[in-house]
Amino acid sequence: MQADLPGELVAAIDRLKDDAGLRGRAPIIEEALRFYIEAKQGT
């Protein structure tokens, strides 16, 4: 999957990635999408 994201969102993801010591953005994006979907489903 590919998505164009605003620069400030990418910067925020990169800060979270660096703070967590992760090598890539995928875990941060996966967690954010999971939270979003759960919130929309009301779980």
PDB file of N, CA and C in Angstrom:
ATOM      1  N   MET A   1       0.840  -1.161   0.000  1.00  0.00           N
ATOM      2  CA  MET A   1       0.000   0.000   0.000  1.00  0.00           C
ATOM      3  C   MET A   1       0.890   1.230   0.000  1.00  0.00           C
ATOM      4  N   GLN A   2       0.481   2.227  -0.746  1.00  0.00           N
ATOM      5  CA  GLN A   2       1.188   3.502  -0.749  1.00  0.00           C
ATOM      6  C   GLN A   2       0.183   4.609  -0.509  1.00  0.00           C
ATOM      7  N   ALA A   3       0.623   5.627   0.209  1.00  0.00           N
ATOM      8  CA  ALA A   3      -0.245   6.774   0.471  1.00  0.00           C
ATOM      9  C   ALA A   3       0.614   8.025   0.571  1.00  0.00           C
ATOM     10  N   ASP A   4       0.143   9.095  -0.042  1.00  0.00           N
ATOM     11  CA  ASP A   4       0.807  10.388   0.106  1.00  0.00           C
ATOM     12  C   ASP A   4       0.316  11.025   1.395  1.00  0.00           C
ATOM     13  N   LEU A   5       1.252  11.433   2.241  1.00  0.00           N
ATOM     14  CA  LEU A   5       0.909  12.031   3.528  1.00  0.00           C
ATOM     15  C   LEU A   5       1.511  13.421   3.621  1.00  0.00           C
ATOM     16  N   PRO A   6       0.849  14.316   4.347  1.00  0.00           N
ATOM     17  CA  PRO A   6       1.417  15.651   4.558  1.00  0.00           C
ATOM     18  C   PRO A   6       2.751  15.556   5.297  1.00  0.00           C
ATOM     19  N   GLY A   7       3.636  16.479   4.995  1.00  0.00           N
ATOM     20  CA  GLY A   7       4.967  16.485   5.584  1.00  0.00           C
ATOM     21  C   GLY A   7       4.969  16.497   7.094  1.00  0.00           C
ATOM     22  N   GLU A   8       4.041  17.252   7.701  1.00  0.00           N
ATOM     23  CA  GLU A   8       4.022  17.317   9.168  1.00  0.00           C
ATOM     24  C   GLU A   8       3.605  15.987   9.785  1.00  0.00           C
ATOM     25  N   LEU A   9       2.770  15.224   9.083  1.00  0.00           N
ATOM     26  CA  LEU A   9       2.380  13.904   9.575  1.00  0.00           C
ATOM     27  C   LEU A   9       3.554  12.931   9.484  1.00  0.00           C
ATOM     28  N   VAL A  10       4.289  12.984   8.385  1.00  0.00           N
ATOM     29  CA  VAL A  10       5.477  12.136   8.236  1.00  0.00           C
ATOM     30  C   VAL A  10       6.507  12.478   9.312  1.00  0.00           C
ATOM     31  N   ALA A  11       6.682  13.770   9.582  1.00  0.00           N
ATOM     32  CA  ALA A  11       7.632  14.189  10.617  1.00  0.00           C
ATOM     33  C   ALA A  11       7.215  13.659  11.986  1.00  0.00           C
ATOM     34  N   ALA A  12       5.922  13.705  12.288  1.00  0.00           N
ATOM     35  CA  ALA A  12       5.433  13.197  13.575  1.00  0.00           C
ATOM     36  C   ALA A  12       5.638  11.686  13.671  1.00  0.00           C
ATOM     37  N   ILE A  13       5.370  10.978  12.580  1.00  0.00           N
ATOM     38  CA  ILE A  13       5.584   9.527  12.562  1.00  0.00           C
ATOM     39  C   ILE A  13       7.059   9.217  12.763  1.00  0.00           C
ATOM     40  N   ASP A  14       7.922   9.981  12.108  1.00  0.00           N
ATOM     41  CA  ASP A  14       9.364   9.755  12.251  1.00  0.00           C
ATOM     42  C   ASP A  14       9.841  10.023  13.677  1.00  0.00           C
ATOM     43  N   ARG A  15       9.268  11.016  14.338  1.00  0.00           N
ATOM     44  CA  ARG A  15       9.630  11.274  15.743  1.00  0.00           C
ATOM     45  C   ARG A  15       9.236  10.088  16.617  1.00  0.00           C
ATOM     46  N   LEU A  16       8.020   9.593  16.429  1.00  0.00           N
ATOM     47  CA  LEU A  16       7.568   8.425  17.193  1.00  0.00           C
ATOM     48  C   LEU A  16       8.444   7.211  16.905  1.00  0.00           C
ATOM     49  N   LYS A  17       8.783   7.031  15.638  1.00  0.00           N
ATOM     50  CA  LYS A  17       9.641   5.908  15.228  1.00  0.00           C
ATOM     51  C   LYS A  17      10.994   5.995  15.919  1.00  0.00           C
ATOM     52  N   ASP A  18      11.596   7.171  15.887  1.00  0.00           N
ATOM     53  CA  ASP A  18      12.909   7.356  16.509  1.00  0.00           C
ATOM     54  C   ASP A  18      12.842   7.175  18.023  1.00  0.00           C
ATOM     55  N   ASP A  19      11.794   7.716  18.645  1.00  0.00           N
ATOM     56  CA  ASP A  19      11.640   7.587  20.099  1.00  0.00           C
ATOM     57  C   ASP A  19      11.500   6.125  20.522  1.00  0.00           C
ATOM     58  N   ALA A  20      10.844   5.334  19.677  1.00  0.00           N
ATOM     59  CA  ALA A  20      10.632   3.920  19.988  1.00  0.00           C
ATOM     60  C   ALA A  20      11.807   3.047  19.541  1.00  0.00           C
ATOM     61  N   GLY A  21      12.761   3.635  18.834  1.00  0.00           N
ATOM     62  CA  GLY A  21      13.911   2.873  18.361  1.00  0.00           C
ATOM     63  C   GLY A  21      13.579   1.904  17.240  1.00  0.00           C
ATOM     64  N   LEU A  22      12.567   2.243  16.456  1.00  0.00           N
ATOM     65  CA  LEU A  22      12.146   1.373  15.359  1.00  0.00           C
ATOM     66  C   LEU A  22      12.923   1.698  14.090  1.00  0.00           C
ATOM     67  N   ARG A  23      13.005   0.726  13.185  1.00  0.00           N
ATOM     68  CA  ARG A  23      13.741   0.931  11.940  1.00  0.00           C
ATOM     69  C   ARG A  23      12.860   1.489  10.835  1.00  0.00           C
ATOM     70  N   GLY A  24      11.556   1.273  10.924  1.00  0.00           N
ATOM     71  CA  GLY A  24      10.661   1.714   9.863  1.00  0.00           C
ATOM     72  C   GLY A  24       9.406   2.359  10.415  1.00  0.00           C
ATOM     73  N   ARG A  25       8.632   2.930   9.522  1.00  0.00           N
ATOM     74  CA  ARG A  25       7.387   3.612   9.890  1.00  0.00           C
ATOM     75  C   ARG A  25       6.206   2.654  10.014  1.00  0.00           C
ATOM     76  N   ALA A  26       6.300   1.485   9.422  1.00  0.00           N
ATOM     77  CA  ALA A  26       5.156   0.571   9.350  1.00  0.00           C
ATOM     78  C   ALA A  26       4.522   0.268  10.707  1.00  0.00           C
ATOM     79  N   PRO A  27       5.287  -0.035  11.761  1.00  0.00           N
ATOM     80  CA  PRO A  27       4.639  -0.338  13.044  1.00  0.00           C
ATOM     81  C   PRO A  27       3.820   0.838  13.589  1.00  0.00           C
ATOM     82  N   ILE A  28       4.303   2.055  13.394  1.00  0.00           N
ATOM     83  CA  ILE A  28       3.579   3.241  13.868  1.00  0.00           C
ATOM     84  C   ILE A  28       2.286   3.402  13.081  1.00  0.00           C
ATOM     85  N   ILE A  29       2.366   3.257  11.765  1.00  0.00           N
ATOM     86  CA  ILE A  29       1.184   3.415  10.916  1.00  0.00           C
ATOM     87  C   ILE A  29       0.180   2.305  11.195  1.00  0.00           C
ATOM     88  N   GLU A  30       0.649   1.064  11.370  1.00  0.00           N
ATOM     89  CA  GLU A  30      -0.247  -0.055  11.683  1.00  0.00           C
ATOM     90  C   GLU A  30      -0.999   0.191  12.984  1.00  0.00           C
ATOM     91  N   GLU A  31      -0.291   0.646  14.006  1.00  0.00           N
ATOM     92  CA  GLU A  31      -0.935   0.904  15.295  1.00  0.00           C
ATOM     93  C   GLU A  31      -1.972   2.020  15.173  1.00  0.00           C
ATOM     94  N   ALA A  32      -1.630   3.073  14.452  1.00  0.00           N
ATOM     95  CA  ALA A  32      -2.562   4.190  14.276  1.00  0.00           C
ATOM     96  C   ALA A  32      -3.816   3.742  13.531  1.00  0.00           C
ATOM     97  N   LEU A  33      -3.642   2.953  12.489  1.00  0.00           N
ATOM     98  CA  LEU A  33      -4.800   2.461  11.744  1.00  0.00           C
ATOM     99  C   LEU A  33      -5.653   1.530  12.595  1.00  0.00           C
ATOM    100  N   ARG A  34      -4.993   0.700  13.407  1.00  0.00           N
ATOM    101  CA  ARG A  34      -5.734  -0.207  14.290  1.00  0.00           C
ATOM    102  C   ARG A  34      -6.594   0.588  15.274  1.00  0.00           C
ATOM    103  N   PHE A  35      -6.005   1.618  15.896  1.00  0.00           N
ATOM    104  CA  PHE A  35      -6.762   2.461  16.824  1.00  0.00           C
ATOM    105  C   PHE A  35      -7.928   3.144  16.114  1.00  0.00           C
ATOM    106  N   TYR A  36      -7.684   3.642  14.915  1.00  0.00           N
ATOM    107  CA  TYR A  36      -8.723   4.326  14.145  1.00  0.00           C
ATOM    108  C   TYR A  36      -9.883   3.376  13.831  1.00  0.00           C
ATOM    109  N   ILE A  37      -9.562   2.193  13.343  1.00  0.00           N
ATOM    110  CA  ILE A  37     -10.601   1.227  12.984  1.00  0.00           C
ATOM    111  C   ILE A  37     -11.380   0.787  14.215  1.00  0.00           C
ATOM    112  N   GLU A  38     -10.688   0.523  15.316  1.00  0.00           N
ATOM    113  CA  GLU A  38     -11.378   0.128  16.550  1.00  0.00           C
ATOM    114  C   GLU A  38     -12.304   1.237  17.041  1.00  0.00           C
ATOM    115  N   ALA A  39     -11.858   2.483  16.945  1.00  0.00           N
ATOM    116  CA  ALA A  39     -12.693   3.611  17.375  1.00  0.00           C
ATOM    117  C   ALA A  39     -13.936   3.728  16.498  1.00  0.00           C
ATOM    118  N   LYS A  40     -13.782   3.512  15.204  1.00  0.00           N
ATOM    119  CA  LYS A  40     -14.922   3.597  14.284  1.00  0.00           C
ATOM    120  C   LYS A  40     -15.905   2.457  14.498  1.00  0.00           C
ATOM    121  N   GLN A  41     -15.383   1.300  14.929  1.00  0.00           N
ATOM    122  CA  GLN A  41     -16.242   0.141  15.164  1.00  0.00           C
ATOM    123  C   GLN A  41     -16.843   0.158  16.566  1.00  0.00           C
ATOM    124  N   GLY A  42     -16.370   1.069  17.408  1.00  0.00           N
ATOM    125  CA  GLY A  42     -16.906   1.184  18.752  1.00  0.00           C
ATOM    126  C   GLY A  42     -16.440   0.105  19.704  1.00  0.00           C
ATOM    127  N   THR A  43     -15.262  -0.470  19.443  1.00  0.00           N
ATOM    128  CA  THR A  43     -14.764  -1.522  20.336  1.00  0.00           C
ATOM    129  C   THR A  43     -13.739  -0.961  21.289  1.00  0.00           C
TER     130      THR A  43
END
